[in-house]
Amino acid sequence: MESQMLAGKVAVITGASYGMGETMAELFAEEGAKVVITARGREKLDEVVNRIREKGGEAIGITADVCSLEDTQRVFREALANFGDVDILINNAGIGEQKMIDETDDDWMKTVMDINLGGPMRYIREALKIFLPKNDGVIINISSVNGTRPFCGATYTSTKGALNTLTKNVAMRLIDTNIRCNAVAPGATVTPAHLANRAGEQPGGAKMLEYSGHYVYFPGPECEPIDQAYACLYLASKMGKAVRGQVLQVCNGAFL
């Protein structure tokens, strides 16, 4: 039997009831990690947990809103209560949108910023309460090609650019520790959110793409969720032990 790359590790993965987060959870469990997955809805979360357990993996699902500090703290308490430790954090939960700046009101702006940037900041802060005392841990933020090529909604793209900056800032803070912080920036990846975006069904529709579409190869060669999960596995395992503060773009060459 091949050795598992994450044997004995405990991973918290937010937004893991479908899409990339679901695939990350399943891959990490296959590689030996005990996974703690979160989402706002219970039904799909339980489906992922049950699927992992049926394959012999260990997983728990916790309903939680990344905008809630109380929920965030509860996730880590339950992770420790069930598995005794946390070694890996993947900030995957997020919301996509296509609202142009002139269509973006304050309430929408604050909502998207709180989910896409506030959520990762809360989770990193709570994870460090576990990582710093033991001087070990891995943080992976799920960003987007929009962090550097901002063709989607005004608030979404701004949060992804900010998440890239946060990744480097946290890596600098942790440079004298054994805690690594990096990001994965997916390109077009076949998930429910991406398919909704292509169909013009995300908030804001497809109007922004009339302005930004000629700057990007879209739709180009799409990635699969497993491509993003493999990138996270690289960063979370010993393969990525010398990588810090990097934003790894996984886009199949569509956004060079």
Protein backbone atom coordinates (compact mmCIF):
# COMPACT_ATOMS: atom_id res chain seq x y z
CA MET A 1 0.00 0.00 0.00
CA GLU A 2 1.34 3.42 -0.91
CA SER A 3 2.06 5.73 2.00
CA GLN A 4 -0.50 8.44 2.56
CA MET A 5 0.80 11.99 2.22
CA LEU A 6 -1.34 13.42 5.02
CA ALA A 7 -1.44 10.49 7.42
CA GLY A 8 -2.22 11.64 10.96
CA LYS A 9 -3.09 15.19 9.95
CA VAL A 10 -6.33 17.04 10.72
CA ALA A 11 -7.65 19.44 8.08
CA VAL A 12 -10.37 22.08 8.40
CA ILE A 13 -11.91 22.92 5.01
CA THR A 14 -14.57 25.61 4.72
CA GLY A 15 -17.26 25.60 2.06
CA ALA A 16 -16.80 21.88 1.44
CA SER A 17 -20.31 20.64 0.66
CA TYR A 18 -19.85 20.80 -3.11
CA GLY A 19 -17.43 21.82 -5.87
CA MET A 20 -13.76 22.31 -5.13
CA GLY A 21 -14.15 22.05 -1.36
CA GLU A 22 -15.91 18.70 -1.63
CA THR A 23 -13.14 17.36 -3.88
CA MET A 24 -10.43 18.69 -1.54
CA ALA A 25 -12.08 16.97 1.42
CA GLU A 26 -12.33 13.64 -0.39
CA LEU A 27 -8.74 13.79 -1.65
CA PHE A 28 -7.34 14.77 1.74
CA ALA A 29 -9.25 11.93 3.41
CA GLU A 30 -7.87 9.48 0.83
CA GLU A 31 -4.40 10.75 1.73
CA GLY A 32 -4.96 9.95 5.41
CA ALA A 33 -6.18 13.25 6.85
CA LYS A 34 -9.07 13.50 9.26
CA VAL A 35 -11.24 16.19 7.72
CA VAL A 36 -13.49 18.75 9.34
CA ILE A 37 -15.71 20.29 6.70
CA THR A 38 -18.05 23.24 6.99
CA ALA A 39 -20.96 24.68 5.05
CA ARG A 40 -24.10 26.63 5.83
CA GLY A 41 -26.42 23.79 4.74
CA ARG A 42 -26.60 20.41 6.46
CA GLU A 43 -27.90 18.05 3.76
CA LYS A 44 -25.05 18.24 1.22
CA LEU A 45 -22.51 18.45 4.03
CA ASP A 46 -23.75 15.13 5.43
CA GLU A 47 -23.59 13.57 1.96
CA VAL A 48 -19.88 14.41 1.67
CA VAL A 49 -19.14 13.16 5.19
CA ASN A 50 -20.98 9.89 4.56
CA ARG A 51 -19.18 9.34 1.27
CA ILE A 52 -15.79 9.82 2.95
CA ARG A 53 -16.71 7.47 5.78
CA GLU A 54 -17.96 4.81 3.37
CA LYS A 55 -14.49 4.78 1.83
CA GLY A 56 -12.88 4.29 5.24
CA GLY A 57 -11.95 7.91 5.90
CA GLU A 58 -12.61 10.01 8.98
CA ALA A 59 -14.72 13.15 8.67
CA ILE A 60 -17.16 15.37 10.50
CA GLY A 61 -19.37 18.10 9.09
CA ILE A 62 -20.19 21.32 10.95
CA THR A 63 -22.81 23.79 9.80
CA ALA A 64 -21.21 27.20 10.12
CA ASP A 65 -21.27 30.66 8.56
CA VAL A 66 -17.80 32.11 7.91
CA CYS A 67 -19.22 35.56 8.72
CA SER A 68 -19.89 34.48 12.30
CA LEU A 69 -17.07 34.63 14.83
CA GLU A 70 -19.07 32.39 17.15
CA ASP A 71 -19.46 29.76 14.41
CA THR A 72 -15.78 30.01 13.50
CA GLN A 73 -14.66 29.42 17.07
CA ARG A 74 -17.11 26.52 17.39
CA VAL A 75 -15.61 24.83 14.31
CA PHE A 76 -12.19 24.72 15.93
CA ARG A 77 -13.59 23.62 19.30
CA GLU A 78 -15.40 20.72 17.65
CA ALA A 79 -12.35 19.82 15.58
CA LEU A 80 -10.25 19.60 18.72
CA ALA A 81 -12.95 17.70 20.60
CA ASN A 82 -13.27 15.10 17.82
CA PHE A 83 -9.72 14.75 16.55
CA GLY A 84 -7.48 16.36 19.18
CA ASP A 85 -5.64 18.75 16.90
CA VAL A 86 -5.74 20.85 13.73
CA ASP A 87 -2.83 20.85 11.28
CA ILE A 88 -4.21 22.27 8.03
CA LEU A 89 -6.66 25.05 7.24
CA ILE A 90 -8.13 25.56 3.78
CA ASN A 91 -10.16 28.75 3.39
CA ASN A 92 -12.34 27.67 0.48
CA ALA A 93 -15.74 29.20 1.30
CA GLY A 94 -16.60 32.16 -0.87
CA ILE A 95 -19.22 33.84 -3.00
CA GLY A 96 -18.91 34.71 -6.69
CA GLU A 97 -20.59 37.67 -8.35
CA GLN A 98 -20.56 39.79 -11.49
CA LYS A 99 -21.90 43.14 -10.29
CA MET A 100 -20.28 46.12 -11.96
CA ILE A 101 -19.06 48.91 -9.70
CA ASP A 102 -21.96 51.15 -10.68
CA GLU A 103 -24.39 48.40 -9.63
CA THR A 104 -22.68 47.68 -6.31
CA ASP A 105 -24.42 49.09 -3.27
CA ASP A 106 -22.96 49.19 0.23
CA ASP A 107 -24.93 46.24 1.58
CA TRP A 108 -23.78 43.95 -1.25
CA MET A 109 -20.20 45.18 -0.99
CA LYS A 110 -20.08 44.49 2.75
CA THR A 111 -21.65 41.05 2.33
CA VAL A 112 -19.16 39.86 -0.26
CA MET A 113 -16.20 41.35 1.59
CA ASP A 114 -17.24 39.71 4.85
CA ILE A 115 -17.52 36.28 3.24
CA ASN A 116 -14.51 36.34 0.90
CA LEU A 117 -12.04 38.29 3.04
CA GLY A 118 -13.48 38.47 6.53
CA GLY A 119 -14.04 34.70 6.62
CA PRO A 120 -10.42 33.77 5.86
CA MET A 121 -9.14 36.38 8.32
CA ARG A 122 -11.32 34.93 11.11
CA TYR A 123 -10.30 31.36 10.35
CA ILE A 124 -6.61 32.17 10.14
CA ARG A 125 -6.75 34.04 13.43
CA GLU A 126 -8.44 31.09 15.17
CA ALA A 127 -6.14 28.51 13.54
CA LEU A 128 -3.07 30.37 14.75
CA LYS A 129 -4.25 29.88 18.33
CA ILE A 130 -3.54 26.19 17.67
CA PHE A 131 -0.64 26.48 15.23
CA LEU A 132 1.55 28.99 17.07
CA PRO A 133 1.87 27.14 20.40
CA LYS A 134 3.01 23.98 18.63
CA ASN A 135 4.97 25.90 15.94
CA ASP A 136 3.48 23.90 13.10
CA GLY A 137 0.64 24.20 10.60
CA VAL A 138 -0.44 24.92 7.04
CA ILE A 139 -2.80 27.64 5.81
CA ILE A 140 -4.13 27.62 2.24
CA ASN A 141 -6.38 30.39 0.95
CA ILE A 142 -8.47 29.74 -2.16
CA SER A 143 -8.15 32.88 -4.25
CA SER A 144 -8.86 33.26 -7.99
CA VAL A 145 -7.27 34.36 -11.23
CA ASN A 146 -9.45 37.41 -10.59
CA GLY A 147 -6.97 38.44 -7.92
CA THR A 148 -4.65 39.61 -10.68
CA ARG A 149 -6.96 39.71 -13.72
CA PRO A 150 -10.15 41.28 -12.37
CA PHE A 151 -12.81 40.44 -14.95
CA CYS A 152 -15.67 39.45 -12.63
CA GLY A 153 -17.66 41.60 -10.19
CA ALA A 154 -16.07 44.66 -8.61
CA THR A 155 -16.31 43.42 -5.04
CA TYR A 156 -15.42 39.81 -5.82
CA THR A 157 -12.27 40.73 -7.69
CA SER A 158 -11.26 43.19 -4.98
CA THR A 159 -11.59 40.55 -2.28
CA LYS A 160 -9.47 38.09 -4.23
CA GLY A 161 -6.74 40.67 -4.75
CA ALA A 162 -6.91 41.40 -1.04
CA LEU A 163 -6.75 37.68 -0.24
CA ASN A 164 -3.52 37.41 -2.23
CA THR A 165 -2.09 40.29 -0.23
CA LEU A 166 -3.31 38.76 3.04
CA THR A 167 -1.60 35.50 2.10
CA LYS A 168 1.75 37.24 1.76
CA ASN A 169 1.20 39.32 4.88
CA VAL A 170 0.45 36.23 6.98
CA ALA A 171 3.45 34.42 5.47
CA MET A 172 5.67 37.34 6.49
CA ARG A 173 4.25 37.23 10.02
CA LEU A 174 5.07 33.51 10.19
CA ILE A 175 8.46 33.57 8.47
CA ASP A 176 10.35 32.55 11.64
CA THR A 177 7.97 29.66 12.38
CA ASN A 178 7.17 26.25 10.91
CA ILE A 179 3.75 27.51 9.80
CA ARG A 180 3.27 28.02 6.07
CA CYS A 181 0.68 30.23 4.39
CA ASN A 182 0.02 30.10 0.65
CA ALA A 183 -2.86 30.47 -1.77
CA VAL A 184 -4.25 28.61 -4.77
CA ALA A 185 -5.76 30.79 -7.50
CA PRO A 186 -8.12 28.70 -9.64
CA GLY A 187 -8.98 29.62 -13.17
CA ALA A 188 -12.26 28.51 -14.76
CA THR A 189 -13.05 25.27 -12.94
CA VAL A 190 -16.10 23.12 -13.64
CA THR A 191 -18.14 23.66 -10.49
CA PRO A 192 -21.78 24.69 -9.91
CA ALA A 193 -20.62 28.28 -9.26
CA HIS A 194 -18.62 28.42 -12.50
CA LEU A 195 -21.45 26.96 -14.55
CA ALA A 196 -23.84 29.52 -13.05
CA ASN A 197 -21.37 32.27 -13.94
CA ARG A 198 -21.13 31.11 -17.55
CA ALA A 199 -24.90 31.03 -17.76
CA GLY A 200 -25.15 34.59 -16.49
CA GLU A 201 -26.93 33.40 -13.34
CA GLN A 202 -24.65 34.90 -10.71
CA PRO A 203 -25.60 38.24 -9.10
CA GLY A 204 -25.00 40.90 -11.75
CA GLY A 205 -25.56 38.51 -14.64
CA ALA A 206 -23.01 38.68 -17.47
CA LYS A 207 -22.92 42.43 -18.18
CA MET A 208 -19.42 42.89 -16.75
CA LEU A 209 -18.06 40.33 -19.21
CA GLU A 210 -19.11 42.60 -22.07
CA TYR A 211 -16.41 44.97 -20.85
CA SER A 212 -13.83 42.56 -19.46
CA GLY A 213 -14.27 39.53 -21.72
CA HIS A 214 -11.84 40.69 -24.40
CA TYR A 215 -9.05 40.90 -21.79
CA VAL A 216 -9.27 37.24 -20.91
CA TYR A 217 -9.35 33.85 -22.60
CA PHE A 218 -12.81 32.93 -21.38
CA PRO A 219 -14.11 30.38 -21.70
CA GLY A 220 -10.75 28.71 -22.24
CA PRO A 221 -9.55 25.23 -21.35
CA GLU A 222 -11.34 24.58 -18.08
CA CYS A 223 -9.93 22.85 -15.02
CA GLU A 224 -11.57 20.14 -12.96
CA PRO A 225 -12.03 20.45 -9.18
CA ILE A 226 -9.41 17.74 -8.67
CA ASP A 227 -6.80 20.01 -10.29
CA GLN A 228 -7.32 22.55 -7.52
CA ALA A 229 -7.37 19.80 -4.88
CA TYR A 230 -4.02 18.47 -6.12
CA ALA A 231 -2.51 21.96 -5.82
CA CYS A 232 -3.73 22.12 -2.23
CA LEU A 233 -2.30 18.66 -1.53
CA TYR A 234 1.07 19.84 -2.83
CA LEU A 235 1.04 22.86 -0.52
CA ALA A 236 -0.28 20.93 2.48
CA SER A 237 2.14 18.02 2.24
CA LYS A 238 5.90 17.82 2.63
CA MET A 239 6.21 18.51 -1.09
CA GLY A 240 5.44 22.15 -0.35
CA LYS A 241 7.59 22.47 2.77
CA ALA A 242 9.74 25.27 1.29
CA VAL A 243 6.88 27.24 -0.27
CA ARG A 244 5.71 30.33 1.61
CA GLY A 245 3.65 33.36 0.68
CA GLN A 246 2.97 32.17 -2.86
CA VAL A 247 -0.18 32.34 -4.97
CA LEU A 248 -0.22 29.21 -7.12
CA GLN A 249 -2.35 29.84 -10.19
CA VAL A 250 -4.02 26.70 -11.56
CA CYS A 251 -5.79 27.69 -14.78
CA ASN A 252 -4.70 25.25 -17.50
CA GLY A 253 -2.92 28.11 -19.23
CA ALA A 254 -6.14 30.03 -19.88
CA PHE A 255 -5.14 33.15 -17.95
CA LEU A 256 -1.43 33.55 -18.62
